Amino acid sequence: MTFGGLLYIQIMYMRNMTKMRDDQFAEGVKRSLYAVTTALEQDEAKYFMEEDAAQIESSYYPGYSSNGQPVIGGIKYSFTTNEGVKGDLTLKGDLNALTLNQGMKGKQGMSRTTTHETLRAQYLYQRSLMNNVILNIISQSSNRPISERADSATVAGYIKRELDNVGLDLPFEFAIVNRAGALIYHSENYKTTDATSGSTFVQTLFPNDPRNKMNYLKVYFPTKDDYILRSIKFMIPSFAFTFILLVTFVYTIILAFRQKKLTEMKNDFINNMTHEFKTPISTISLAAQMLNDNSVRKSESMLKHISTVINDETKRLRFQVEKVLQMSMFDRQKTTMKLQEVDANVAIANIIHTFKIKIEKYGGRIEADLNAENAVVNVDEMHFTNVIFNLLDNAVKYRDEERALLLKVKTRMVHGGDRIAIEIGDNGIGIKKDDLKKIFEKFYRVSTGNRHDVKGFGLGLAYVHKIITELNGTIHAESEYGVGTKFTIILPTTK
């Protein structure tokens, strides 16, 4: 819980840090674009001032008449009002207040007066000049093409400069669009699809223009996400180490609980095996006592029956011992097997003969149909026998006590005679569909696993599946709850 809380805090901190960096980035870009538009407006004011100054420059200096006397025509400039009315304004100087000066080569000069009237005239001129510039900007600026008002190279230079001023040194692409969103011009690598992402910023150019003549500057940053990530990359190692510690901690807890479960299973296993050993030992002990009876020794048929019982119970006892060995098998990647050619029909017939005693004890019976033509398989006889015993033993454990137990064992050829199918069916309590998907998993036990005072530990069918798989075969189960279960084993045959 502590590690989970720590990891959650780090994740939230990283999210907040990323959002903060993103907000700082956006604020810096907006300030930069605003400065760009301000610079463009200043350029436009400069343009109109230079244009008006050029128009009146020629009238500022005196001319000369035919007799050599200086003539001042005055200061003349043009203007246009908001209503579109055009006019001219001329400011004339005082000729008597001017001083004539003849040059050596006949050129005549004129010095500026410092009188109060001249200063007043210059002041009026400057104020009128500024008013005229302002009127021109208001009335005529929006009529100029946007490509002249905001030159592509100039805009790119301003954007670069302003971004550098706020410390954002990363590549960008830009475009100028009109009110309808149509491109007027754009940078070389500008892509309309990328410009719709969250990395795009829009700034109005010349905000005082009429609404129908508005233009906009759109800028986006292709590497913005990388830039944001680089700014918080110092958090990544800390996050990674915390995540590794959390995984290690969880894995350790899982191992501890699994070890505890294995210990409990070991104890259950010992108790179950003790119970399982009692039956064959008791049967062998009873048979030995019967051999001490003279009447039994004199009857050959009785001696034969007792010897058969002893032999069968010895095999059953050996089978129980093999179950003990199954516990260690799951700790190894590969089971050690002594493969040999075995006739499956013969081997299964012997197993049925031995197991028949246990089935008849519960009032059941077994039907065998062992007619596979090519039943020779390459298996480990001991493990193969244990597999069949396991399946038969499960049928007895999970029988339906309300009806007589019926076991059906059948062999048949499949896949054109290349494989043999071994079917073991019963009329027991069956398995639910949800459990049927997991019955071959290690340690998994169905909800009916505690019947008849025989507590399983989830290894029987896992062992069966492991052995059949290592013999290059397959096994699957079909079951209907309350009706019965059928296991089908398919093994390759030898030719």
Protein backbone atom coordinates (compact mmCIF):
# COMPACT_ATOMS: atom_id res chain seq x y z
CA MET A 1 0.00 0.00 0.00
CA THR A 2 2.83 2.37 0.88
CA PHE A 3 4.66 1.69 -2.38
CA GLY A 4 1.41 2.10 -4.29
CA GLY A 5 0.79 5.45 -2.62
CA LEU A 6 4.34 6.59 -3.36
CA LEU A 7 4.02 5.56 -6.98
CA TYR A 8 0.67 7.36 -7.26
CA ILE A 9 2.18 10.54 -5.78
CA GLN A 10 5.06 10.44 -8.25
CA ILE A 11 2.71 9.90 -11.18
CA MET A 12 0.53 12.83 -10.09
CA TYR A 13 3.62 14.99 -9.52
CA MET A 14 4.87 14.17 -13.01
CA ARG A 15 1.45 15.00 -14.49
CA ASN A 16 1.33 18.32 -12.65
CA MET A 17 4.91 19.09 -13.65
CA THR A 18 4.11 18.35 -17.29
CA LYS A 19 1.01 20.58 -17.15
CA MET A 20 2.98 23.38 -15.52
CA ARG A 21 5.72 23.16 -18.17
CA ASP A 22 3.08 23.15 -20.87
CA ASP A 23 1.41 26.23 -19.39
CA GLN A 24 4.76 28.02 -19.13
CA PHE A 25 5.52 27.14 -22.72
CA ALA A 26 2.14 28.45 -23.90
CA GLU A 27 2.53 31.67 -21.92
CA GLY A 28 6.00 32.27 -23.38
CA VAL A 29 4.76 31.67 -26.93
CA LYS A 30 1.79 33.99 -26.48
CA ARG A 31 4.01 36.77 -25.17
CA SER A 32 6.37 36.26 -28.11
CA LEU A 33 3.60 36.39 -30.71
CA TYR A 34 2.15 39.51 -29.14
CA ALA A 35 5.59 41.13 -29.37
CA VAL A 36 5.77 40.08 -33.04
CA THR A 37 2.48 41.82 -33.86
CA THR A 38 3.60 44.91 -31.94
CA ALA A 39 6.82 45.04 -33.96
CA LEU A 40 4.86 44.71 -37.21
CA GLU A 41 2.57 47.60 -36.18
CA GLN A 42 5.62 49.73 -35.41
CA ASP A 43 7.06 48.87 -38.81
CA GLU A 44 3.84 50.00 -40.44
CA ALA A 45 3.84 53.31 -38.55
CA LYS A 46 7.44 53.86 -39.63
CA TYR A 47 6.46 53.12 -43.21
CA PHE A 48 3.76 55.82 -43.27
CA MET A 49 5.98 58.34 -41.52
CA GLU A 50 8.73 57.82 -44.06
CA GLU A 51 6.20 58.08 -46.89
CA ASP A 52 4.81 61.41 -45.63
CA ALA A 53 8.28 62.76 -44.92
CA ALA A 54 9.31 61.96 -48.49
CA GLN A 55 6.30 63.87 -49.85
CA ILE A 56 7.17 67.13 -48.03
CA GLU A 57 10.93 66.93 -48.12
CA SER A 58 11.21 68.91 -51.34
CA SER A 59 9.26 71.88 -49.92
CA TYR A 60 11.32 72.24 -46.77
CA TYR A 61 14.34 73.93 -48.37
CA PRO A 62 14.18 77.33 -50.13
CA GLY A 63 14.26 77.80 -53.90
CA TYR A 64 15.54 80.75 -55.85
CA SER A 65 13.87 83.17 -58.21
CA SER A 66 15.17 84.32 -61.60
CA ASN A 67 16.89 87.35 -60.06
CA GLY A 68 18.66 85.28 -57.41
CA GLN A 69 16.36 86.09 -54.48
CA PRO A 70 15.37 83.17 -52.16
CA VAL A 71 11.77 82.02 -52.39
CA ILE A 72 10.12 79.82 -49.76
CA GLY A 73 7.02 78.15 -51.03
CA GLY A 74 6.21 76.75 -47.60
CA ILE A 75 5.76 73.23 -46.23
CA LYS A 76 3.10 71.29 -48.05
CA TYR A 77 1.69 67.78 -47.34
CA SER A 78 -1.41 65.77 -48.11
CA PHE A 79 -3.79 63.91 -45.82
CA THR A 80 -6.95 61.77 -45.95
CA THR A 81 -9.66 61.78 -43.29
CA ASN A 82 -11.61 58.77 -41.97
CA GLU A 83 -14.47 59.69 -44.32
CA GLY A 84 -12.12 59.49 -47.31
CA VAL A 85 -11.83 63.27 -47.84
CA LYS A 86 -8.44 64.25 -49.18
CA GLY A 87 -6.77 67.61 -48.57
CA ASP A 88 -3.49 69.58 -48.73
CA LEU A 89 -1.90 71.72 -46.03
CA THR A 90 0.83 74.37 -46.68
CA LEU A 91 2.84 76.17 -44.00
CA LYS A 92 4.70 79.33 -45.28
CA GLY A 93 7.61 81.03 -43.53
CA ASP A 94 8.46 84.76 -42.95
CA LEU A 95 10.84 85.88 -45.75
CA ASN A 96 11.87 89.04 -43.82
CA ALA A 97 13.09 86.93 -40.91
CA LEU A 98 15.44 84.92 -43.09
CA THR A 99 19.12 85.83 -43.69
CA LEU A 100 20.60 85.59 -47.18
CA ASN A 101 24.04 84.21 -47.63
CA GLN A 102 25.91 84.17 -50.96
CA GLY A 103 28.51 81.49 -51.59
CA MET A 104 31.87 81.98 -53.40
CA LYS A 105 30.53 80.30 -56.52
CA GLY A 106 27.31 82.27 -56.57
CA LYS A 107 25.30 79.80 -54.59
CA GLN A 108 22.98 81.43 -52.11
CA GLY A 109 22.09 80.01 -48.67
CA MET A 110 19.51 80.65 -46.06
CA SER A 111 19.84 80.12 -42.31
CA ARG A 112 16.94 79.09 -40.09
CA THR A 113 15.36 81.72 -37.86
CA THR A 114 15.19 81.20 -34.16
CA THR A 115 12.29 83.49 -33.61
CA HIS A 116 9.23 82.55 -31.67
CA GLU A 117 7.05 82.49 -34.79
CA THR A 118 9.37 80.03 -36.56
CA LEU A 119 9.40 77.62 -33.60
CA ARG A 120 5.65 77.80 -33.42
CA ALA A 121 5.38 77.03 -37.13
CA GLN A 122 7.70 74.01 -36.74
CA TYR A 123 5.65 72.73 -33.81
CA LEU A 124 2.47 72.98 -35.79
CA TYR A 125 4.15 71.26 -38.67
CA GLN A 126 5.32 68.31 -36.53
CA ARG A 127 1.91 67.90 -34.90
CA SER A 128 0.14 68.03 -38.25
CA LEU A 129 2.63 65.55 -39.63
CA MET A 130 1.92 63.05 -36.82
CA ASN A 131 -1.83 63.52 -37.16
CA ASN A 132 -1.53 62.86 -40.87
CA VAL A 133 0.48 59.69 -40.27
CA ILE A 134 -2.12 58.46 -37.80
CA LEU A 135 -4.95 59.19 -40.20
CA ASN A 136 -3.16 57.33 -42.97
CA ILE A 137 -2.55 54.32 -40.74
CA ILE A 138 -6.20 54.19 -39.71
CA SER A 139 -7.69 54.74 -43.14
CA GLN A 140 -5.20 53.26 -45.59
CA SER A 141 -3.13 50.56 -43.82
CA SER A 142 -5.71 47.77 -44.19
CA ASN A 143 -5.80 48.39 -47.95
CA ARG A 144 -2.18 47.28 -48.32
CA PRO A 145 -1.55 43.59 -49.15
CA ILE A 146 -0.76 41.56 -46.05
CA SER A 147 2.34 40.18 -47.75
CA GLU A 148 3.72 43.76 -47.80
CA ARG A 149 2.60 44.66 -44.30
CA ALA A 150 3.99 41.41 -42.83
CA ASP A 151 6.79 40.10 -45.02
CA SER A 152 7.51 36.37 -44.64
CA ALA A 153 11.20 36.80 -43.86
CA THR A 154 10.47 39.65 -41.45
CA VAL A 155 7.82 37.63 -39.60
CA ALA A 156 10.12 34.61 -39.32
CA GLY A 157 12.91 36.79 -37.98
CA TYR A 158 10.66 38.44 -35.40
CA ILE A 159 9.30 35.08 -34.21
CA LYS A 160 12.80 33.66 -33.84
CA ARG A 161 14.00 36.74 -31.97
CA GLU A 162 11.08 36.87 -29.56
CA LEU A 163 11.20 33.13 -28.83
CA ASP A 164 14.90 33.41 -28.04
CA ASN A 165 14.10 36.27 -25.67
CA VAL A 166 11.86 34.00 -23.57
CA GLY A 167 14.27 31.02 -23.76
CA LEU A 168 12.31 28.87 -26.24
CA ASP A 169 14.96 27.66 -28.64
CA LEU A 170 13.15 25.04 -30.71
CA PRO A 171 12.04 24.74 -34.35
CA PHE A 172 8.70 26.18 -35.44
CA GLU A 173 6.50 26.47 -38.51
CA PHE A 174 4.13 29.36 -39.23
CA ALA A 175 1.52 30.59 -41.67
CA ILE A 176 -0.58 33.69 -42.31
CA VAL A 177 -4.29 32.97 -42.85
CA ASN A 178 -7.26 35.21 -43.55
CA ARG A 179 -10.53 35.35 -41.66
CA ALA A 180 -11.89 32.36 -43.60
CA GLY A 181 -8.84 30.27 -42.68
CA ALA A 182 -7.36 30.23 -46.20
CA LEU A 183 -3.57 30.24 -46.35
CA ILE A 184 -1.97 33.43 -47.64
CA TYR A 185 1.58 32.20 -47.25
CA HIS A 186 3.43 29.79 -44.96
CA SER A 187 6.87 28.49 -44.06
CA GLU A 188 8.50 25.74 -46.10
CA ASN A 189 7.64 22.75 -43.87
CA TYR A 190 4.25 23.96 -42.67
CA LYS A 191 1.64 21.16 -42.65
CA THR A 192 -2.05 21.85 -42.27
CA THR A 193 -2.65 18.52 -40.49
CA ASP A 194 -0.03 19.27 -37.84
CA ALA A 195 -1.38 22.81 -37.43
CA THR A 196 -4.61 21.42 -35.95
CA SER A 197 -2.84 19.83 -32.99
CA GLY A 198 -2.59 21.19 -29.47
CA SER A 199 0.84 22.64 -30.24
CA THR A 200 -0.63 25.40 -32.46
CA PHE A 201 -0.92 29.02 -31.33
CA VAL A 202 -2.89 31.79 -33.09
CA GLN A 203 -2.30 35.56 -32.88
CA THR A 204 -4.29 38.32 -34.59
CA LEU A 205 -2.24 40.54 -36.90
CA PHE A 206 -3.06 44.27 -36.81
CA PRO A 207 -6.01 44.05 -34.38
CA ASN A 208 -7.31 47.51 -35.43
CA ASP A 209 -8.06 46.38 -38.99
CA PRO A 210 -11.73 46.09 -40.03
CA ARG A 211 -13.21 42.75 -39.04
CA ASN A 212 -13.67 41.61 -42.62
CA LYS A 213 -9.99 42.24 -43.35
CA MET A 214 -8.58 40.46 -40.30
CA ASN A 215 -5.53 38.21 -40.74
CA TYR A 216 -4.01 35.75 -38.30
CA LEU A 217 -0.58 34.35 -37.55
CA LYS A 218 -0.58 30.60 -36.80
CA VAL A 219 2.52 29.00 -35.29
CA TYR A 220 3.09 25.40 -34.24
CA PHE A 221 6.06 23.51 -32.83
CA PRO A 222 6.70 19.99 -34.23
CA THR A 223 9.00 19.05 -31.32
CA LYS A 224 6.97 20.56 -28.50
CA ASP A 225 6.26 17.22 -26.79
CA ASP A 226 9.95 16.29 -26.85
CA TYR A 227 10.79 19.71 -25.44
CA ILE A 228 8.33 19.28 -22.56
CA LEU A 229 9.58 15.75 -21.89
CA ARG A 230 13.21 16.89 -21.81
CA SER A 231 12.31 19.50 -19.24
CA ILE A 232 11.00 16.84 -16.82
CA LYS A 233 13.30 13.94 -17.72
CA PHE A 234 14.98 14.21 -14.31
CA MET A 235 11.81 12.61 -12.88
CA ILE A 236 11.94 9.50 -15.06
CA PRO A 237 14.77 7.63 -13.19
CA SER A 238 13.01 8.24 -9.87
CA PHE A 239 9.74 6.95 -11.27
CA ALA A 240 11.46 3.90 -12.79
CA PHE A 241 13.24 2.99 -9.54
CA THR A 242 10.03 3.32 -7.55
CA PHE A 243 8.20 1.12 -10.06
CA ILE A 244 10.96 -1.53 -9.87
CA LEU A 245 10.79 -1.49 -6.09
CA LEU A 246 7.01 -1.88 -6.22
CA VAL A 247 7.24 -4.84 -8.62
CA THR A 248 9.92 -6.47 -6.48
CA PHE A 249 7.85 -5.96 -3.34
CA VAL A 250 4.70 -7.41 -4.93
CA TYR A 251 6.65 -10.36 -6.31
CA THR A 252 8.14 -11.04 -2.88
CA ILE A 253 4.70 -10.99 -1.28
CA ILE A 254 3.37 -13.37 -3.93
CA LEU A 255 6.26 -15.77 -3.31
CA ALA A 256 5.64 -15.62 0.43
CA PHE A 257 1.96 -16.47 0.03
CA ARG A 258 2.78 -19.18 -2.49
CA GLN A 259 5.32 -20.69 -0.12
CA LYS A 260 2.71 -20.64 2.63
CA LYS A 261 0.23 -22.32 0.32
CA LEU A 262 2.78 -24.97 -0.64
CA THR A 263 3.46 -25.69 3.01
CA GLU A 264 -0.25 -26.13 3.68
CA MET A 265 -0.55 -28.36 0.62
CA LYS A 266 2.35 -30.44 1.79
CA ASN A 267 0.64 -31.07 5.10
CA ASP A 268 -2.65 -31.89 3.36
CA PHE A 269 -0.78 -34.15 0.98
CA ILE A 270 0.77 -36.12 3.80
CA ASN A 271 -2.61 -36.50 5.52
CA ASN A 272 -4.29 -37.58 2.28
CA MET A 273 -1.57 -40.05 1.38
CA THR A 274 -1.76 -41.56 4.85
CA HIS A 275 -5.45 -42.15 4.25
CA GLU A 276 -4.80 -43.56 0.77
CA PHE A 277 -2.16 -45.96 2.09
CA LYS A 278 -4.51 -47.46 4.65
CA THR A 279 -6.76 -49.20 2.14
CA PRO A 280 -4.14 -51.23 0.18
CA ILE A 281 -2.21 -52.03 3.34
CA SER A 282 -5.36 -53.26 5.04
CA THR A 283 -6.27 -55.37 2.01
CA ILE A 284 -2.80 -56.93 1.82
CA SER A 285 -2.86 -57.56 5.56
CA LEU A 286 -6.27 -59.28 5.28
CA ALA A 287 -5.03 -61.43 2.38
CA ALA A 288 -1.98 -62.45 4.40
CA GLN A 289 -4.18 -63.49 7.30
CA MET A 290 -6.36 -65.56 4.95
CA LEU A 291 -3.25 -67.42 3.78
CA ASN A 292 -2.78 -68.65 7.33
CA ASP A 293 -6.11 -70.49 7.04
CA ASN A 294 -5.51 -74.15 6.02
CA SER A 295 -8.79 -74.33 4.14
CA VAL A 296 -7.77 -71.38 2.03
CA ARG A 297 -4.38 -72.89 1.25
CA LYS A 298 -6.00 -76.10 0.10
CA SER A 299 -8.20 -74.27 -2.46
CA GLU A 300 -6.24 -73.41 -5.59
CA SER A 301 -8.92 -71.01 -6.82
CA MET A 302 -8.88 -69.17 -3.50
CA LEU A 303 -5.07 -68.99 -3.50
CA LYS A 304 -5.16 -67.62 -7.02
CA HIS A 305 -7.73 -64.99 -6.06
CA ILE A 306 -5.77 -63.92 -2.97
CA SER A 307 -2.52 -63.67 -4.95
CA THR A 308 -4.30 -61.55 -7.53
CA VAL A 309 -5.64 -59.27 -4.81
CA ILE A 310 -2.19 -58.94 -3.24
CA ASN A 311 -0.66 -58.18 -6.63
CA ASP A 312 -3.33 -55.61 -7.48
CA GLU A 313 -3.11 -53.88 -4.10
CA THR A 314 0.66 -53.80 -4.40
CA LYS A 315 0.31 -52.02 -7.72
CA ARG A 316 -2.17 -49.65 -6.13
CA LEU A 317 0.26 -49.00 -3.30
CA ARG A 318 2.97 -48.30 -5.84
CA PHE A 319 0.62 -45.89 -7.57
CA GLN A 320 0.14 -44.01 -4.31
CA VAL A 321 3.89 -43.81 -3.86
CA GLU A 322 4.19 -42.37 -7.35
CA LYS A 323 1.83 -39.61 -6.28
CA VAL A 324 4.38 -38.54 -3.74
CA LEU A 325 6.92 -38.17 -6.52
CA GLN A 326 4.53 -35.99 -8.50
CA MET A 327 5.11 -33.17 -6.03
CA SER A 328 8.74 -32.76 -7.13
CA MET A 329 7.98 -33.02 -10.85
CA PHE A 330 6.57 -29.50 -11.09
CA ASP A 331 9.86 -27.97 -9.95
CA ARG A 332 11.62 -29.24 -13.07
CA GLN A 333 11.29 -27.92 -16.61
CA LYS A 334 11.39 -31.38 -18.17
CA THR A 335 10.38 -34.72 -16.71
CA THR A 336 12.90 -37.55 -16.96
CA MET A 337 11.28 -40.38 -18.89
CA LYS A 338 12.31 -43.84 -20.01
CA LEU A 339 10.47 -44.13 -23.30
CA GLN A 340 9.59 -47.52 -24.69
CA GLU A 341 7.05 -48.98 -27.06
CA VAL A 342 3.90 -49.99 -25.17
CA ASP A 343 0.67 -51.46 -26.48
CA ALA A 344 -1.92 -49.05 -25.12
CA ASN A 345 -4.72 -51.64 -25.33
CA VAL A 346 -2.79 -54.12 -23.19
CA ALA A 347 -1.59 -51.52 -20.68
CA ILE A 348 -5.08 -50.06 -20.22
CA ALA A 349 -6.60 -53.56 -19.88
CA ASN A 350 -4.17 -54.36 -17.04
CA ILE A 351 -5.00 -51.05 -15.32
CA ILE A 352 -8.74 -51.76 -15.60
CA HIS A 353 -8.27 -55.25 -14.16
CA THR A 354 -6.49 -53.78 -11.14
CA PHE A 355 -8.87 -50.88 -10.70
CA LYS A 356 -11.98 -53.02 -11.03
CA ILE A 357 -11.79 -53.99 -7.37
CA LYS A 358 -12.11 -50.37 -6.22
CA ILE A 359 -15.01 -49.69 -8.61
CA GLU A 360 -16.92 -52.78 -7.53
CA LYS A 361 -16.41 -51.77 -3.92
CA TYR A 362 -18.75 -48.82 -4.56
CA GLY A 363 -21.22 -50.92 -6.55
CA GLY A 364 -20.07 -49.63 -9.90
CA ARG A 365 -18.88 -51.21 -13.09
CA ILE A 366 -16.52 -50.47 -15.91
CA GLU A 367 -17.02 -51.04 -19.65
CA ALA A 368 -13.99 -51.35 -21.90
CA ASP A 369 -13.87 -51.06 -25.69
CA LEU A 370 -10.18 -51.47 -26.54
CA ASN A 371 -10.29 -52.06 -30.27
CA ALA A 372 -7.72 -49.59 -31.65
CA GLU A 373 -5.87 -51.38 -34.46
CA ASN A 374 -2.45 -49.73 -34.14
CA ALA A 375 -2.24 -49.10 -30.37
CA VAL A 376 1.56 -49.13 -29.95
CA VAL A 377 2.76 -45.84 -28.44
CA ASN A 378 6.19 -44.60 -27.36
CA VAL A 379 5.71 -43.69 -23.69
CA ASP A 380 7.15 -44.07 -20.21
CA GLU A 381 5.09 -47.00 -18.92
CA MET A 382 5.08 -45.85 -15.30
CA HIS A 383 3.90 -42.32 -16.09
CA PHE A 384 1.41 -43.56 -18.68
CA THR A 385 -0.06 -45.93 -16.10
CA ASN A 386 -0.25 -43.11 -13.54
CA VAL A 387 -2.13 -40.92 -16.02
CA ILE A 388 -4.84 -43.55 -16.60
CA PHE A 389 -5.01 -44.31 -12.87
CA ASN A 390 -5.47 -40.61 -12.08
CA LEU A 391 -8.39 -40.27 -14.46
CA LEU A 392 -10.07 -43.44 -13.21
CA ASP A 393 -9.49 -42.44 -9.60
CA ASN A 394 -11.10 -39.03 -10.17
CA ALA A 395 -14.16 -40.73 -11.61
CA VAL A 396 -14.54 -42.74 -8.40
CA LYS A 397 -13.93 -39.75 -6.11
CA TYR A 398 -16.45 -37.51 -7.83
CA ARG A 399 -19.16 -40.07 -8.53
CA ASP A 400 -22.84 -39.32 -8.11
CA GLU A 401 -23.94 -41.26 -5.02
CA GLU A 402 -27.55 -41.27 -6.17
CA ARG A 403 -26.83 -43.62 -9.07
CA ALA A 404 -24.52 -46.55 -9.73
CA LEU A 405 -21.09 -45.59 -11.02
CA LEU A 406 -20.47 -46.41 -14.69
CA LEU A 407 -17.06 -45.99 -16.27
CA LYS A 408 -16.47 -46.31 -20.01
CA VAL A 409 -12.97 -46.68 -21.46
CA LYS A 410 -12.46 -46.74 -25.19
CA THR A 411 -9.55 -46.65 -27.66
CA ARG A 412 -9.83 -45.74 -31.33
CA MET A 413 -7.64 -44.56 -34.19
CA VAL A 414 -7.80 -40.95 -35.40
CA HIS A 415 -6.00 -38.76 -37.95
CA GLY A 416 -5.82 -41.54 -40.51
CA GLY A 417 -4.28 -44.05 -38.13
CA ASP A 418 -1.34 -41.86 -37.08
CA ARG A 419 -2.73 -41.25 -33.61
CA ILE A 420 -4.72 -43.12 -30.98
CA ALA A 421 -7.53 -41.62 -28.94
CA ILE A 422 -8.10 -42.87 -25.39
CA GLU A 423 -11.50 -41.90 -23.98
CA ILE A 424 -12.41 -42.21 -20.30
CA GLY A 425 -15.98 -41.25 -19.43
CA ASP A 426 -18.12 -41.43 -16.33
CA ASN A 427 -21.63 -40.61 -15.10
CA GLY A 428 -20.43 -38.63 -12.10
CA ILE A 429 -21.36 -35.19 -10.79
CA GLY A 430 -19.75 -33.39 -13.74
CA ILE A 431 -17.82 -30.13 -13.87
CA LYS A 432 -19.19 -26.63 -14.32
CA LYS A 433 -18.15 -24.72 -17.45
CA ASP A 434 -16.24 -22.07 -15.51
CA ASP A 435 -14.21 -24.76 -13.73
CA LEU A 436 -13.71 -26.82 -16.88
CA LYS A 437 -11.43 -24.15 -18.37
CA LYS A 438 -9.04 -24.33 -15.42
CA ILE A 439 -8.95 -27.97 -14.34
CA PHE A 440 -5.50 -28.58 -15.87
CA GLU A 441 -3.93 -25.63 -14.05
CA LYS A 442 -1.49 -26.33 -11.27
CA PHE A 443 -3.06 -26.22 -7.76
CA TYR A 444 -6.53 -25.48 -9.13
CA ARG A 445 -9.37 -27.36 -7.48
CA VAL A 446 -13.05 -27.25 -8.40
CA SER A 447 -15.72 -26.37 -5.85
CA THR A 448 -16.56 -30.07 -5.30
CA GLY A 449 -12.99 -30.95 -4.37
CA ASN A 450 -13.72 -31.95 -0.77
CA ARG A 451 -16.00 -34.90 -1.33
CA HIS A 452 -15.83 -38.27 0.41
CA ASP A 453 -13.30 -37.07 2.99
CA VAL A 454 -10.56 -37.15 0.35
CA LYS A 455 -9.02 -33.71 0.15
CA GLY A 456 -7.21 -33.10 -3.13
CA PHE A 457 -4.45 -30.58 -3.69
CA GLY A 458 -4.83 -29.64 -7.35
CA LEU A 459 -1.95 -31.64 -8.83
CA GLY A 460 -3.65 -34.72 -10.30
CA LEU A 461 -4.94 -33.28 -13.57
CA ALA A 462 -2.01 -30.86 -13.79
CA TYR A 463 0.27 -33.90 -13.65
CA VAL A 464 -1.81 -35.67 -16.32
CA HIS A 465 -1.63 -32.63 -18.61
CA LYS A 466 2.13 -32.26 -18.10
CA ILE A 467 2.87 -35.92 -18.92
CA ILE A 468 0.63 -36.06 -21.98
CA THR A 469 2.12 -32.81 -23.30
CA GLU A 470 5.67 -34.09 -22.89
CA LEU A 471 4.67 -37.24 -24.77
CA ASN A 472 3.69 -34.96 -27.71
CA GLY A 473 0.02 -35.63 -27.12
CA THR A 474 -3.06 -33.61 -26.20
CA ILE A 475 -5.83 -33.96 -23.64
CA HIS A 476 -9.15 -32.19 -23.35
CA ALA A 477 -12.26 -32.61 -21.23
CA GLU A 478 -15.97 -32.51 -21.98
CA SER A 479 -18.44 -32.28 -19.13
CA GLU A 480 -22.03 -31.48 -18.32
CA TYR A 481 -22.76 -30.62 -14.75
CA GLY A 482 -24.88 -33.30 -13.10
CA VAL A 483 -24.49 -35.71 -16.06
CA GLY A 484 -20.85 -36.75 -16.28
CA THR A 485 -17.38 -36.06 -17.67
CA LYS A 486 -15.29 -37.47 -20.50
CA PHE A 487 -11.51 -37.06 -20.94
CA THR A 488 -9.95 -37.67 -24.35
CA ILE A 489 -6.22 -38.31 -24.71
CA ILE A 490 -4.64 -38.30 -28.16
CA LEU A 491 -1.12 -39.76 -28.57
CA PRO A 492 1.03 -40.38 -31.64
CA THR A 493 1.47 -44.06 -32.53
CA THR A 494 4.62 -45.81 -33.75
CA LYS A 495 4.78 -47.37 -37.20
